Amino acid sequence: MPARMPLSQLRNAEQQRSTLRTLTVLRTLNESTRSTVSELSKTTGIPRPSLYRILETMRGAGYVRQAEDDGRYQLTSLIRSLSYGFEEYAWIKDVAAPLLHDLQREILWPTDLADSVGDAMYLRETTRRASPLAIDHRAPGLRVPMLVSASGRAYLANCPDSEREEILRILRRSTNPHDAVAKNRRSVARILMTTRANGYGQRYGEDFMPETGSIAIPIKTKKRLIACLNITFIASALTPKQAADRYLPAMKRTANAIAAGVDNL
């Protein structure tokens, strides 16, 4: 009589199977664009009950959505966050970083580049250590709340509607106090309207980093919105409007140069 597999090995085998099934569903949705559960089951060989569990987990995390009209599942734009660190950082190092440093030397205030991953913005590059006007030295990798930051507001105001709705849906479930405004649809609409009217996102006179203010603009390549360019200033020295009046042309020039450099890679 064959020996029974230890319980720990059984659990590991089940976890491996679950992971492989999830990757199979991701790959299949990426290839088919939109699929029903029946179609996915036929293509992948995964039983429908298991598919429902996998899809619900992925939907809850924001990577999959289900269409209201026909019930088909499809990947959301948040899925691209899984590729960060694979190819995304090359353009930040080779294209964006030198241009950010050029901008900082021109305006003196620290300059940042942040992008969206899931429900927040992440600082990817900064010139804070080089700026004589920086009052903090936050490092790349810093997580920045979406709706209370200049870069997050600029990103939400300029990203595709479907991506915005997916981000806001995740934020509404968040228990982070900085995300609470997502539950007030009028407040969100007002933030987006103000950001679009101004042409930049702003943070000023709020509980989040009150000693500083910032303005941010989107960086758009021919294909998509890739990040936001942000400058930070001492709140007692400038208002967002004053900062925009002085520095917005230089920021736009830098954002356009970054986008052009990425397009040419």
Protein backbone atom coordinates (compact mmCIF):
# COMPACT_ATOMS: atom_id res chain seq x y z
CA MET A 1 0.00 0.00 0.00
CA PRO A 2 1.58 3.34 -1.07
CA ALA A 3 2.47 5.77 1.67
CA ARG A 4 0.25 8.79 2.07
CA MET A 5 1.66 12.18 1.07
CA PRO A 6 2.34 14.36 4.14
CA LEU A 7 -0.26 17.06 4.75
CA SER A 8 2.32 19.84 4.18
CA GLN A 9 3.14 18.44 0.74
CA LEU A 10 -0.54 18.19 -0.12
CA ARG A 11 -1.02 21.85 0.79
CA ASN A 12 2.00 22.90 -1.24
CA ALA A 13 0.77 20.93 -4.23
CA GLU A 14 -2.67 22.57 -3.96
CA GLN A 15 -1.12 26.05 -3.72
CA GLN A 16 1.02 25.38 -6.78
CA ARG A 17 -2.00 24.17 -8.73
CA SER A 18 -4.01 27.23 -7.71
CA THR A 19 -1.18 29.56 -8.75
CA LEU A 20 -0.77 27.84 -12.11
CA ARG A 21 -4.52 28.03 -12.74
CA THR A 22 -4.56 31.76 -11.97
CA LEU A 23 -1.67 32.35 -14.38
CA THR A 24 -3.48 30.29 -17.01
CA VAL A 25 -6.60 32.44 -16.63
CA LEU A 26 -4.52 35.63 -16.90
CA ARG A 27 -2.83 34.41 -20.06
CA THR A 28 -6.10 33.26 -21.61
CA LEU A 29 -7.90 36.56 -20.89
CA ASN A 30 -4.93 38.45 -22.30
CA GLU A 31 -5.16 36.45 -25.53
CA SER A 32 -8.95 36.43 -25.90
CA THR A 33 -9.67 39.95 -24.54
CA ARG A 34 -13.18 39.04 -23.31
CA SER A 35 -14.52 35.63 -22.29
CA THR A 36 -17.42 33.97 -20.51
CA VAL A 37 -16.79 31.44 -17.77
CA SER A 38 -17.90 28.67 -20.15
CA GLU A 39 -15.41 29.80 -22.78
CA LEU A 40 -12.63 30.02 -20.21
CA SER A 41 -13.43 26.55 -18.90
CA LYS A 42 -13.37 25.10 -22.42
CA THR A 43 -10.07 26.80 -23.27
CA THR A 44 -8.23 26.19 -20.01
CA GLY A 45 -9.75 22.92 -18.85
CA ILE A 46 -10.38 24.45 -15.42
CA PRO A 47 -13.74 23.51 -13.84
CA ARG A 48 -16.29 26.32 -13.68
CA PRO A 49 -16.54 26.39 -9.84
CA SER A 50 -12.78 26.90 -9.64
CA LEU A 51 -12.92 29.58 -12.34
CA TYR A 52 -15.57 31.52 -10.45
CA ARG A 53 -13.33 31.55 -7.35
CA ILE A 54 -10.27 32.66 -9.35
CA LEU A 55 -12.17 35.36 -11.23
CA GLU A 56 -13.82 36.72 -8.09
CA THR A 57 -10.44 36.96 -6.35
CA MET A 58 -8.95 38.77 -9.36
CA ARG A 59 -11.98 41.04 -9.64
CA GLY A 60 -11.74 41.96 -5.97
CA ALA A 61 -8.08 42.88 -6.46
CA GLY A 62 -8.97 45.10 -9.41
CA TYR A 63 -7.33 43.09 -12.19
CA VAL A 64 -10.52 41.78 -13.80
CA ARG A 65 -13.93 43.27 -14.49
CA GLN A 66 -17.21 41.69 -15.57
CA ALA A 67 -19.26 43.45 -18.23
CA GLU A 68 -22.81 44.27 -17.20
CA ASP A 69 -24.30 43.65 -20.65
CA ASP A 70 -23.12 40.12 -21.41
CA GLY A 71 -21.30 38.95 -18.25
CA ARG A 72 -17.98 38.46 -20.03
CA TYR A 73 -14.77 38.89 -18.08
CA GLN A 74 -11.82 41.00 -19.19
CA LEU A 75 -8.57 42.30 -17.75
CA THR A 76 -8.47 45.86 -16.44
CA SER A 77 -5.70 48.35 -17.14
CA LEU A 78 -4.33 47.67 -13.65
CA ILE A 79 -2.88 44.43 -15.00
CA ARG A 80 -0.01 46.39 -16.52
CA SER A 81 1.27 47.07 -13.00
CA LEU A 82 2.43 43.44 -12.89
CA SER A 83 5.10 44.24 -15.47
CA TYR A 84 6.79 46.98 -13.40
CA GLY A 85 10.38 46.07 -12.73
CA PHE A 86 10.52 44.02 -15.92
CA GLU A 87 10.67 46.72 -18.59
CA GLU A 88 9.13 49.85 -17.11
CA TYR A 89 12.17 50.99 -15.16
CA ALA A 90 14.47 51.19 -18.17
CA TRP A 91 12.80 54.33 -19.48
CA ILE A 92 12.82 55.93 -16.03
CA LYS A 93 16.56 55.49 -15.69
CA ASP A 94 17.55 56.19 -19.29
CA VAL A 95 15.02 58.85 -20.31
CA ALA A 96 13.21 60.42 -17.36
CA ALA A 97 15.93 60.74 -14.71
CA PRO A 98 18.31 63.00 -16.71
CA LEU A 99 15.43 65.27 -17.74
CA LEU A 100 14.16 65.49 -14.15
CA HIS A 101 17.61 66.60 -13.01
CA ASP A 102 17.77 69.18 -15.80
CA LEU A 103 14.41 70.55 -14.67
CA GLN A 104 15.49 70.66 -11.03
CA ARG A 105 18.61 72.62 -11.88
CA GLU A 106 16.42 75.10 -13.76
CA ILE A 107 13.74 75.64 -11.10
CA LEU A 108 15.69 74.56 -7.95
CA TRP A 109 12.65 72.94 -6.28
CA PRO A 110 12.75 69.12 -6.12
CA THR A 111 11.19 67.26 -9.02
CA ASP A 112 9.58 63.83 -8.90
CA LEU A 113 8.20 61.17 -11.19
CA ALA A 114 5.39 58.98 -9.88
CA ASP A 115 3.24 56.31 -11.48
CA SER A 116 0.08 54.46 -10.59
CA VAL A 117 0.03 50.93 -9.23
CA GLY A 118 -3.36 49.75 -8.08
CA ASP A 119 -4.87 52.22 -5.63
CA ALA A 120 -1.90 54.55 -5.11
CA MET A 121 0.92 56.47 -6.74
CA TYR A 122 4.51 55.36 -6.21
CA LEU A 123 7.54 57.61 -6.30
CA ARG A 124 9.85 56.22 -9.00
CA GLU A 125 12.46 58.96 -9.36
CA THR A 126 13.24 62.12 -7.40
CA THR A 127 15.84 64.90 -7.29
CA ARG A 128 15.27 65.73 -3.63
CA ARG A 129 18.82 64.96 -2.60
CA ALA A 130 20.15 67.32 -5.26
CA SER A 131 17.78 70.20 -4.51
CA PRO A 132 18.93 72.90 -2.09
CA LEU A 133 15.26 73.71 -1.40
CA ALA A 134 14.13 70.22 -0.34
CA ILE A 135 13.01 69.89 3.26
CA ASP A 136 12.73 66.11 3.13
CA HIS A 137 14.60 63.35 1.37
CA ARG A 138 11.92 60.86 0.49
CA ALA A 139 13.30 57.98 -1.57
CA PRO A 140 11.94 56.15 -4.63
CA GLY A 141 9.42 53.51 -3.66
CA LEU A 142 7.40 55.83 -1.43
CA ARG A 143 3.67 55.07 -1.61
CA VAL A 144 1.57 58.20 -2.07
CA PRO A 145 -2.25 58.16 -1.56
CA MET A 146 -4.12 58.76 -4.79
CA LEU A 147 -6.77 61.34 -3.90
CA VAL A 148 -4.76 63.60 -1.57
CA SER A 149 -1.64 63.96 -3.73
CA ALA A 150 -1.01 66.24 -6.69
CA SER A 151 0.32 63.39 -8.80
CA GLY A 152 -2.62 61.13 -7.91
CA ARG A 153 -5.14 63.81 -8.80
CA ALA A 154 -3.35 64.54 -12.07
CA TYR A 155 -3.30 60.83 -12.88
CA LEU A 156 -6.98 60.26 -12.12
CA ALA A 157 -8.02 63.30 -14.14
CA ASN A 158 -6.16 62.06 -17.21
CA CYS A 159 -6.34 58.27 -17.20
CA PRO A 160 -8.94 56.33 -19.24
CA ASP A 161 -12.46 56.28 -17.78
CA SER A 162 -12.39 52.53 -17.23
CA GLU A 163 -9.11 52.69 -15.30
CA ARG A 164 -10.38 55.61 -13.18
CA GLU A 165 -13.53 53.74 -12.22
CA GLU A 166 -11.53 50.65 -11.30
CA ILE A 167 -9.18 52.68 -9.08
CA LEU A 168 -12.05 54.51 -7.40
CA ARG A 169 -13.88 51.23 -6.79
CA ILE A 170 -10.84 49.91 -4.92
CA LEU A 171 -10.41 53.17 -2.99
CA ARG A 172 -14.04 53.11 -1.82
CA ARG A 173 -13.33 49.83 -0.02
CA SER A 174 -10.13 51.13 1.57
CA THR A 175 -9.85 51.73 5.32
CA ASN A 176 -6.97 54.20 4.87
CA PRO A 177 -8.14 57.66 6.08
CA HIS A 178 -6.46 59.29 3.09
CA ASP A 179 -8.73 57.30 0.77
CA ALA A 180 -11.98 58.21 2.54
CA VAL A 181 -12.83 61.00 0.08
CA ALA A 182 -13.38 58.32 -2.59
CA LYS A 183 -16.68 57.48 -0.92
CA ASN A 184 -17.96 61.00 -1.62
CA ARG A 185 -18.66 61.06 -5.35
CA ARG A 186 -19.32 64.81 -5.39
CA SER A 187 -15.96 65.52 -3.79
CA VAL A 188 -14.20 63.27 -6.29
CA ALA A 189 -16.01 64.96 -9.18
CA ARG A 190 -15.01 68.37 -7.84
CA ILE A 191 -11.34 67.32 -7.55
CA LEU A 192 -11.33 66.01 -11.12
CA MET A 193 -13.09 69.09 -12.48
CA THR A 194 -10.67 71.46 -10.73
CA THR A 195 -7.65 69.47 -11.90
CA ARG A 196 -8.79 69.49 -15.52
CA ALA A 197 -9.70 73.18 -15.41
CA ASN A 198 -6.29 74.13 -13.96
CA GLY A 199 -4.32 71.80 -16.20
CA TYR A 200 -2.48 70.33 -13.21
CA GLY A 201 -3.10 68.45 -9.98
CA GLN A 202 -2.36 70.25 -6.75
CA ARG A 203 -1.84 69.55 -3.03
CA TYR A 204 -1.82 72.46 -0.63
CA GLY A 205 -3.04 73.26 2.87
CA GLU A 206 -4.13 69.70 3.64
CA ASP A 207 -3.39 67.19 6.38
CA PHE A 208 -1.18 65.13 4.09
CA MET A 209 2.35 66.63 4.15
CA PRO A 210 1.09 70.06 5.29
CA GLU A 211 4.54 71.67 5.36
CA THR A 212 4.81 71.44 1.59
CA GLY A 213 2.66 71.95 -1.49
CA SER A 214 2.97 70.43 -4.95
CA ILE A 215 1.68 70.57 -8.50
CA ALA A 216 1.76 67.70 -11.01
CA ILE A 217 1.04 67.11 -14.68
CA PRO A 218 0.55 63.91 -16.70
CA ILE A 219 3.18 62.37 -18.96
CA LYS A 220 1.46 60.88 -22.02
CA THR A 221 3.15 58.90 -24.77
CA LYS A 222 1.45 58.19 -28.07
CA LYS A 223 0.04 55.01 -26.56
CA ARG A 224 -0.91 55.84 -22.99
CA LEU A 225 -0.52 57.80 -19.77
CA ILE A 226 2.68 56.50 -18.19
CA ALA A 227 3.31 58.67 -15.11
CA CYS A 228 3.06 62.14 -13.60
CA LEU A 229 5.70 64.83 -13.22
CA ASN A 230 5.57 66.59 -9.86
CA ILE A 231 7.35 69.50 -8.22
CA THR A 232 7.27 70.07 -4.46
CA PHE A 233 7.70 73.43 -2.76
CA ILE A 234 7.56 74.85 0.76
CA ALA A 235 3.94 75.75 1.48
CA SER A 236 4.85 79.03 3.15
CA ALA A 237 6.83 80.14 0.09
CA LEU A 238 4.40 79.48 -2.77
CA THR A 239 0.80 78.68 -3.56
CA PRO A 240 -0.02 76.17 -6.30
CA LYS A 241 -1.11 78.98 -8.63
CA GLN A 242 2.13 80.87 -8.10
CA ALA A 243 4.10 77.68 -8.70
CA ALA A 244 2.11 76.99 -11.88
CA ASP A 245 2.57 80.55 -13.17
CA ARG A 246 6.33 80.26 -12.73
CA TYR A 247 7.09 76.64 -13.53
CA LEU A 248 4.29 75.04 -15.57
CA PRO A 249 5.86 75.83 -18.99
CA ALA A 250 9.13 74.18 -17.95
CA MET A 251 7.25 71.21 -16.49
CA LYS A 252 5.27 70.73 -19.71
CA ARG A 253 8.44 70.93 -21.76
CA THR A 254 10.03 68.24 -19.60
CA ALA A 255 6.93 66.02 -19.66
CA ASN A 256 6.81 66.25 -23.45
CA ALA A 257 10.51 65.44 -23.71
CA ILE A 258 10.08 62.38 -21.49
CA ALA A 259 7.11 61.17 -23.55
CA ALA A 260 9.00 61.68 -26.80
CA GLY A 261 12.01 59.81 -25.42
CA VAL A 262 9.85 56.86 -24.38
CA ASP A 263 8.13 56.81 -27.79
CA ASN A 264 11.56 56.60 -29.45
CA LEU A 265 12.81 53.68 -27.37
